[in-house]
Amino acid sequence: MSILSERLRQIRIEKQLTQADVANQLGIARHSIQRFEYGTINPSIDNLIKLCQIYNISADWLLGITEKQTPLDSKDDQQEYIVSVIEKLNMASGYLGGLINPEPSLIGAPGQKISYDK
């Protein structure tokens, strides 16, 4: 399992939510949440943003960039913040090693290279 998958499960349990609760809020099937948590598939950027909103947690913690769980300051700033974290990771490593998928689909495939066009 990846850091992302482990932390998705951890935060869901801490927030006392079921996989079905989270799936309903995202508008996807429960088994997709299960697959995110097992690391079988990775959430799209859109779903990563929504997960951060649901859990009120920053993406840097979910992605393993920091060990500190930081609540989001403003829902208006969440997408911009997550995109900036992704851009920093892209600059540092050239790709995210499949943590997230930039495609607008609901479910991303592991191992896809990240590119973000403004």
N, C-alpha and C. Protein backbone atom coordinates (compact mmCIF):
# COMPACT_ATOMS: atom_id res chain seq x y z
N MET A 1 0.84 -1.19 0.00
CA MET A 1 0.00 0.00 0.00
C MET A 1 0.88 1.24 0.00
N SER A 2 0.39 2.28 -0.65
CA SER A 2 1.11 3.55 -0.70
C SER A 2 0.74 4.41 0.51
N ILE A 3 1.52 5.46 0.71
CA ILE A 3 1.20 6.41 1.78
C ILE A 3 -0.20 6.97 1.57
N LEU A 4 -0.51 7.31 0.32
CA LEU A 4 -1.83 7.87 0.02
C LEU A 4 -2.93 6.90 0.44
N SER A 5 -2.83 5.65 0.05
CA SER A 5 -3.89 4.68 0.37
C SER A 5 -4.00 4.47 1.88
N GLU A 6 -2.86 4.38 2.56
CA GLU A 6 -2.88 4.20 4.01
C GLU A 6 -3.54 5.39 4.71
N ARG A 7 -3.19 6.59 4.25
CA ARG A 7 -3.73 7.78 4.90
C ARG A 7 -5.20 8.01 4.57
N LEU A 8 -5.63 7.62 3.38
CA LEU A 8 -7.06 7.72 3.06
C LEU A 8 -7.88 6.85 4.02
N ARG A 9 -7.40 5.65 4.28
CA ARG A 9 -8.11 4.77 5.22
C ARG A 9 -8.05 5.34 6.63
N GLN A 10 -6.87 5.79 7.04
CA GLN A 10 -6.67 6.32 8.39
C GLN A 10 -7.61 7.49 8.68
N ILE A 11 -7.64 8.46 7.77
CA ILE A 11 -8.44 9.66 8.01
C ILE A 11 -9.94 9.35 7.95
N ARG A 12 -10.34 8.42 7.08
CA ARG A 12 -11.75 8.04 7.03
C ARG A 12 -12.20 7.45 8.36
N ILE A 13 -11.37 6.58 8.91
CA ILE A 13 -11.69 5.95 10.20
C ILE A 13 -11.69 6.99 11.32
N GLU A 14 -10.70 7.90 11.31
CA GLU A 14 -10.65 8.96 12.32
C GLU A 14 -11.90 9.83 12.29
N LYS A 15 -12.42 10.08 11.10
CA LYS A 15 -13.61 10.93 10.93
C LYS A 15 -14.90 10.13 11.13
N GLN A 16 -14.75 8.84 11.45
CA GLN A 16 -15.87 7.93 11.71
C GLN A 16 -16.86 7.87 10.54
N LEU A 17 -16.28 7.75 9.35
CA LEU A 17 -17.08 7.61 8.13
C LEU A 17 -16.89 6.22 7.56
N THR A 18 -17.92 5.71 6.92
CA THR A 18 -17.80 4.43 6.22
C THR A 18 -17.35 4.70 4.79
N GLN A 19 -16.92 3.66 4.11
CA GLN A 19 -16.57 3.80 2.70
C GLN A 19 -17.79 4.25 1.91
N ALA A 20 -18.96 3.75 2.29
CA ALA A 20 -20.20 4.14 1.60
C ALA A 20 -20.49 5.63 1.80
N ASP A 21 -20.25 6.15 3.02
CA ASP A 21 -20.45 7.58 3.28
C ASP A 21 -19.60 8.43 2.34
N VAL A 22 -18.32 8.08 2.24
CA VAL A 22 -17.40 8.84 1.41
C VAL A 22 -17.77 8.71 -0.07
N ALA A 23 -18.09 7.49 -0.49
CA ALA A 23 -18.48 7.25 -1.88
C ALA A 23 -19.70 8.09 -2.26
N ASN A 24 -20.68 8.15 -1.36
CA ASN A 24 -21.89 8.95 -1.62
C ASN A 24 -21.55 10.42 -1.79
N GLN A 25 -20.63 10.93 -0.96
CA GLN A 25 -20.26 12.34 -1.05
C GLN A 25 -19.48 12.63 -2.34
N LEU A 26 -18.72 11.64 -2.81
CA LEU A 26 -17.96 11.81 -4.06
C LEU A 26 -18.81 11.51 -5.29
N GLY A 27 -19.90 10.79 -5.10
CA GLY A 27 -20.74 10.40 -6.23
C GLY A 27 -20.15 9.24 -7.02
N ILE A 28 -19.43 8.35 -6.33
CA ILE A 28 -18.84 7.18 -6.97
C ILE A 28 -19.23 5.93 -6.20
N ALA A 29 -18.90 4.78 -6.73
CA ALA A 29 -19.24 3.51 -6.09
C ALA A 29 -18.35 3.26 -4.86
N ARG A 30 -18.91 2.57 -3.87
CA ARG A 30 -18.18 2.25 -2.65
C ARG A 30 -16.92 1.46 -2.95
N HIS A 31 -16.98 0.56 -3.92
CA HIS A 31 -15.80 -0.26 -4.21
C HIS A 31 -14.64 0.58 -4.73
N SER A 32 -14.94 1.77 -5.28
CA SER A 32 -13.86 2.66 -5.71
C SER A 32 -13.09 3.19 -4.50
N ILE A 33 -13.81 3.52 -3.43
CA ILE A 33 -13.15 3.96 -2.19
C ILE A 33 -12.30 2.83 -1.64
N GLN A 34 -12.84 1.63 -1.66
CA GLN A 34 -12.09 0.47 -1.19
C GLN A 34 -10.81 0.31 -2.01
N ARG A 35 -10.90 0.48 -3.30
CA ARG A 35 -9.73 0.33 -4.17
C ARG A 35 -8.71 1.46 -3.95
N PHE A 36 -9.20 2.68 -3.65
CA PHE A 36 -8.28 3.77 -3.28
C PHE A 36 -7.49 3.38 -2.03
N GLU A 37 -8.21 2.84 -1.04
CA GLU A 37 -7.60 2.51 0.25
C GLU A 37 -6.68 1.29 0.17
N TYR A 38 -6.90 0.41 -0.76
CA TYR A 38 -6.01 -0.74 -0.95
C TYR A 38 -4.84 -0.39 -1.87
N GLY A 39 -4.92 0.76 -2.53
CA GLY A 39 -3.86 1.16 -3.44
C GLY A 39 -3.95 0.50 -4.81
N THR A 40 -5.08 -0.11 -5.09
CA THR A 40 -5.29 -0.75 -6.39
C THR A 40 -5.42 0.28 -7.50
N ILE A 41 -6.12 1.37 -7.19
CA ILE A 41 -6.27 2.51 -8.09
C ILE A 41 -6.04 3.78 -7.28
N ASN A 42 -5.86 4.88 -7.97
CA ASN A 42 -5.64 6.16 -7.31
C ASN A 42 -6.72 7.15 -7.70
N PRO A 43 -7.08 8.04 -6.77
CA PRO A 43 -8.12 9.03 -7.10
C PRO A 43 -7.62 10.03 -8.14
N SER A 44 -8.54 10.52 -8.94
CA SER A 44 -8.22 11.60 -9.87
C SER A 44 -7.94 12.86 -9.06
N ILE A 45 -7.40 13.86 -9.71
CA ILE A 45 -7.16 15.14 -9.02
C ILE A 45 -8.48 15.69 -8.49
N ASP A 46 -9.53 15.63 -9.28
CA ASP A 46 -10.83 16.11 -8.83
C ASP A 46 -11.29 15.40 -7.56
N ASN A 47 -11.13 14.07 -7.55
CA ASN A 47 -11.54 13.33 -6.36
C ASN A 47 -10.60 13.56 -5.18
N LEU A 48 -9.32 13.79 -5.45
CA LEU A 48 -8.39 14.12 -4.38
C LEU A 48 -8.80 15.44 -3.72
N ILE A 49 -9.18 16.40 -4.53
CA ILE A 49 -9.64 17.69 -4.00
C ILE A 49 -10.89 17.47 -3.14
N LYS A 50 -11.83 16.70 -3.65
CA LYS A 50 -13.07 16.44 -2.91
C LYS A 50 -12.78 15.69 -1.60
N LEU A 51 -11.83 14.74 -1.64
CA LEU A 51 -11.47 14.01 -0.42
C LEU A 51 -10.88 14.96 0.62
N CYS A 52 -10.05 15.88 0.18
CA CYS A 52 -9.50 16.88 1.10
C CYS A 52 -10.62 17.72 1.72
N GLN A 53 -11.61 18.05 0.93
CA GLN A 53 -12.74 18.83 1.44
C GLN A 53 -13.57 18.01 2.43
N ILE A 54 -13.85 16.77 2.08
CA ILE A 54 -14.64 15.90 2.96
C ILE A 54 -13.96 15.73 4.31
N TYR A 55 -12.65 15.49 4.28
CA TYR A 55 -11.90 15.23 5.50
C TYR A 55 -11.34 16.49 6.14
N ASN A 56 -11.48 17.64 5.47
CA ASN A 56 -10.91 18.90 5.93
C ASN A 56 -9.43 18.74 6.28
N ILE A 57 -8.70 18.23 5.31
CA ILE A 57 -7.28 17.95 5.49
C ILE A 57 -6.52 18.40 4.26
N SER A 58 -5.28 18.82 4.45
CA SER A 58 -4.48 19.26 3.31
C SER A 58 -3.97 18.08 2.50
N ALA A 59 -3.77 18.32 1.23
CA ALA A 59 -3.27 17.28 0.33
C ALA A 59 -1.84 16.89 0.65
N ASP A 60 -1.05 17.82 1.20
CA ASP A 60 0.35 17.48 1.48
C ASP A 60 0.46 16.36 2.49
N TRP A 61 -0.45 16.28 3.44
CA TRP A 61 -0.44 15.16 4.39
C TRP A 61 -0.89 13.87 3.69
N LEU A 62 -1.99 13.94 2.94
CA LEU A 62 -2.48 12.74 2.25
C LEU A 62 -1.43 12.16 1.31
N LEU A 63 -0.67 13.03 0.65
CA LEU A 63 0.33 12.59 -0.32
C LEU A 63 1.66 12.21 0.32
N GLY A 64 1.78 12.40 1.64
CA GLY A 64 3.00 12.01 2.33
C GLY A 64 4.11 13.05 2.29
N ILE A 65 3.78 14.28 1.93
CA ILE A 65 4.77 15.34 1.87
C ILE A 65 5.13 15.82 3.28
N THR A 66 4.16 15.79 4.17
CA THR A 66 4.38 16.20 5.55
C THR A 66 3.73 15.18 6.48
N GLU A 67 4.18 15.16 7.71
CA GLU A 67 3.62 14.26 8.72
C GLU A 67 2.52 14.94 9.53
N LYS A 68 2.38 16.25 9.37
CA LYS A 68 1.41 17.01 10.15
C LYS A 68 0.08 17.10 9.41
N GLN A 69 -0.98 16.71 10.09
CA GLN A 69 -2.32 16.85 9.51
C GLN A 69 -2.75 18.30 9.67
N THR A 70 -2.90 18.98 8.56
CA THR A 70 -3.26 20.39 8.57
C THR A 70 -4.65 20.58 7.97
N PRO A 71 -5.57 21.18 8.74
CA PRO A 71 -6.90 21.45 8.17
C PRO A 71 -6.79 22.50 7.08
N LEU A 72 -7.72 22.46 6.16
CA LEU A 72 -7.76 23.45 5.09
C LEU A 72 -8.28 24.77 5.65
N ASP A 73 -7.67 25.86 5.21
CA ASP A 73 -8.06 27.17 5.72
C ASP A 73 -9.38 27.65 5.12
N SER A 74 -9.49 27.53 3.81
CA SER A 74 -10.65 28.05 3.11
C SER A 74 -11.02 27.12 1.97
N LYS A 75 -12.27 26.77 1.87
CA LYS A 75 -12.70 25.90 0.79
C LYS A 75 -12.43 26.53 -0.58
N ASP A 76 -12.42 27.86 -0.65
CA ASP A 76 -12.15 28.53 -1.92
C ASP A 76 -10.71 28.32 -2.38
N ASP A 77 -9.80 28.10 -1.43
CA ASP A 77 -8.38 27.98 -1.74
C ASP A 77 -7.92 26.53 -1.93
N GLN A 78 -8.76 25.56 -1.69
CA GLN A 78 -8.34 24.17 -1.69
C GLN A 78 -7.80 23.70 -3.03
N GLN A 79 -8.54 23.94 -4.11
CA GLN A 79 -8.09 23.46 -5.40
C GLN A 79 -6.77 24.12 -5.80
N GLU A 80 -6.67 25.43 -5.59
CA GLU A 80 -5.44 26.14 -5.92
C GLU A 80 -4.26 25.58 -5.11
N TYR A 81 -4.50 25.30 -3.83
CA TYR A 81 -3.44 24.77 -2.98
C TYR A 81 -2.99 23.38 -3.46
N ILE A 82 -3.93 22.52 -3.75
CA ILE A 82 -3.59 21.16 -4.19
C ILE A 82 -2.81 21.20 -5.50
N VAL A 83 -3.25 22.04 -6.43
CA VAL A 83 -2.54 22.17 -7.71
C VAL A 83 -1.12 22.68 -7.47
N SER A 84 -0.93 23.61 -6.52
CA SER A 84 0.41 24.12 -6.25
C SER A 84 1.30 23.03 -5.65
N VAL A 85 0.74 22.16 -4.80
CA VAL A 85 1.51 21.04 -4.24
C VAL A 85 1.93 20.10 -5.37
N ILE A 86 1.01 19.80 -6.27
CA ILE A 86 1.31 18.91 -7.39
C ILE A 86 2.40 19.52 -8.28
N GLU A 87 2.30 20.81 -8.54
CA GLU A 87 3.32 21.47 -9.37
C GLU A 87 4.69 21.41 -8.70
N LYS A 88 4.75 21.61 -7.39
CA LYS A 88 6.03 21.53 -6.66
C LYS A 88 6.62 20.13 -6.75
N LEU A 89 5.75 19.13 -6.60
CA LEU A 89 6.22 17.75 -6.71
C LEU A 89 6.72 17.46 -8.12
N ASN A 90 5.99 17.95 -9.11
CA ASN A 90 6.41 17.77 -10.50
C ASN A 90 7.77 18.41 -10.75
N MET A 91 7.98 19.59 -10.23
CA MET A 91 9.25 20.27 -10.41
C MET A 91 10.38 19.52 -9.71
N ALA A 92 10.10 18.97 -8.55
CA ALA A 92 11.13 18.29 -7.77
C ALA A 92 11.48 16.92 -8.34
N SER A 93 10.49 16.21 -8.83
CA SER A 93 10.75 14.84 -9.24
C SER A 93 10.41 14.53 -10.69
N GLY A 94 9.72 15.42 -11.35
CA GLY A 94 9.35 15.20 -12.73
C GLY A 94 8.04 14.43 -12.87
N TYR A 95 7.64 13.74 -11.83
CA TYR A 95 6.37 13.03 -11.83
C TYR A 95 6.07 12.57 -10.41
N LEU A 96 4.82 12.14 -10.20
CA LEU A 96 4.39 11.71 -8.87
C LEU A 96 4.44 10.20 -8.70
N GLY A 97 5.00 9.50 -9.63
CA GLY A 97 5.10 8.05 -9.48
C GLY A 97 3.77 7.36 -9.36
N GLY A 98 2.73 7.92 -9.96
CA GLY A 98 1.43 7.27 -9.97
C GLY A 98 0.56 7.54 -8.77
N LEU A 99 0.90 8.52 -7.94
CA LEU A 99 0.04 8.80 -6.79
C LEU A 99 -1.34 9.27 -7.21
N ILE A 100 -1.37 10.15 -8.19
CA ILE A 100 -2.65 10.64 -8.67
C ILE A 100 -2.64 10.74 -10.18
N ASN A 101 -3.81 10.82 -10.73
CA ASN A 101 -3.98 10.84 -12.18
C ASN A 101 -4.56 12.19 -12.58
N PRO A 102 -3.95 12.89 -13.53
CA PRO A 102 -4.46 14.20 -13.91
C PRO A 102 -5.69 14.16 -14.79
N GLU A 103 -6.09 13.01 -15.23
CA GLU A 103 -7.25 12.91 -16.11
C GLU A 103 -8.51 13.29 -15.33
N PRO A 104 -9.51 13.83 -16.01
CA PRO A 104 -10.73 14.22 -15.32
C PRO A 104 -11.65 13.05 -14.99
N SER A 105 -11.24 11.84 -15.30
CA SER A 105 -12.07 10.68 -14.99
C SER A 105 -12.16 10.49 -13.48
N LEU A 106 -13.12 9.73 -13.04
CA LEU A 106 -13.31 9.52 -11.61
C LEU A 106 -12.23 8.65 -11.00
N ILE A 107 -11.66 7.74 -11.78
CA ILE A 107 -10.69 6.82 -11.24
C ILE A 107 -9.43 6.87 -12.08
N GLY A 108 -8.31 7.08 -11.43
CA GLY A 108 -7.04 7.15 -12.14
C GLY A 108 -6.34 5.80 -12.12
N ALA A 109 -5.38 5.67 -12.99
CA ALA A 109 -4.59 4.44 -13.06
C ALA A 109 -3.22 4.68 -12.44
N PRO A 110 -2.74 3.75 -11.61
CA PRO A 110 -1.42 3.91 -11.02
C PRO A 110 -0.34 3.97 -12.09
N GLY A 111 0.71 4.72 -11.80
CA GLY A 111 1.86 4.78 -12.69
C GLY A 111 1.79 5.80 -13.80
N GLN A 112 0.70 6.56 -13.87
CA GLN A 112 0.62 7.55 -14.93
C GLN A 112 1.38 8.81 -14.56
N LYS A 113 2.10 9.37 -15.51
CA LYS A 113 2.86 10.59 -15.29
C LYS A 113 1.92 11.78 -15.16
N ILE A 114 2.25 12.68 -14.27
CA ILE A 114 1.43 13.85 -14.01
C ILE A 114 1.87 15.00 -14.91
N SER A 115 0.91 15.65 -15.52
CA SER A 115 1.17 16.90 -16.21
C SER A 115 0.00 17.81 -15.95
N TYR A 116 0.29 19.05 -15.71
CA TYR A 116 -0.76 20.02 -15.42
C TYR A 116 -0.58 21.21 -16.33
N ASP A 117 -1.59 21.51 -17.11
CA ASP A 117 -1.57 22.66 -18.00
C ASP A 117 -2.54 23.70 -17.48
N LYS A 118 -2.06 24.91 -17.32
CA LYS A 118 -2.94 25.99 -16.87
C LYS A 118 -3.67 26.58 -18.05
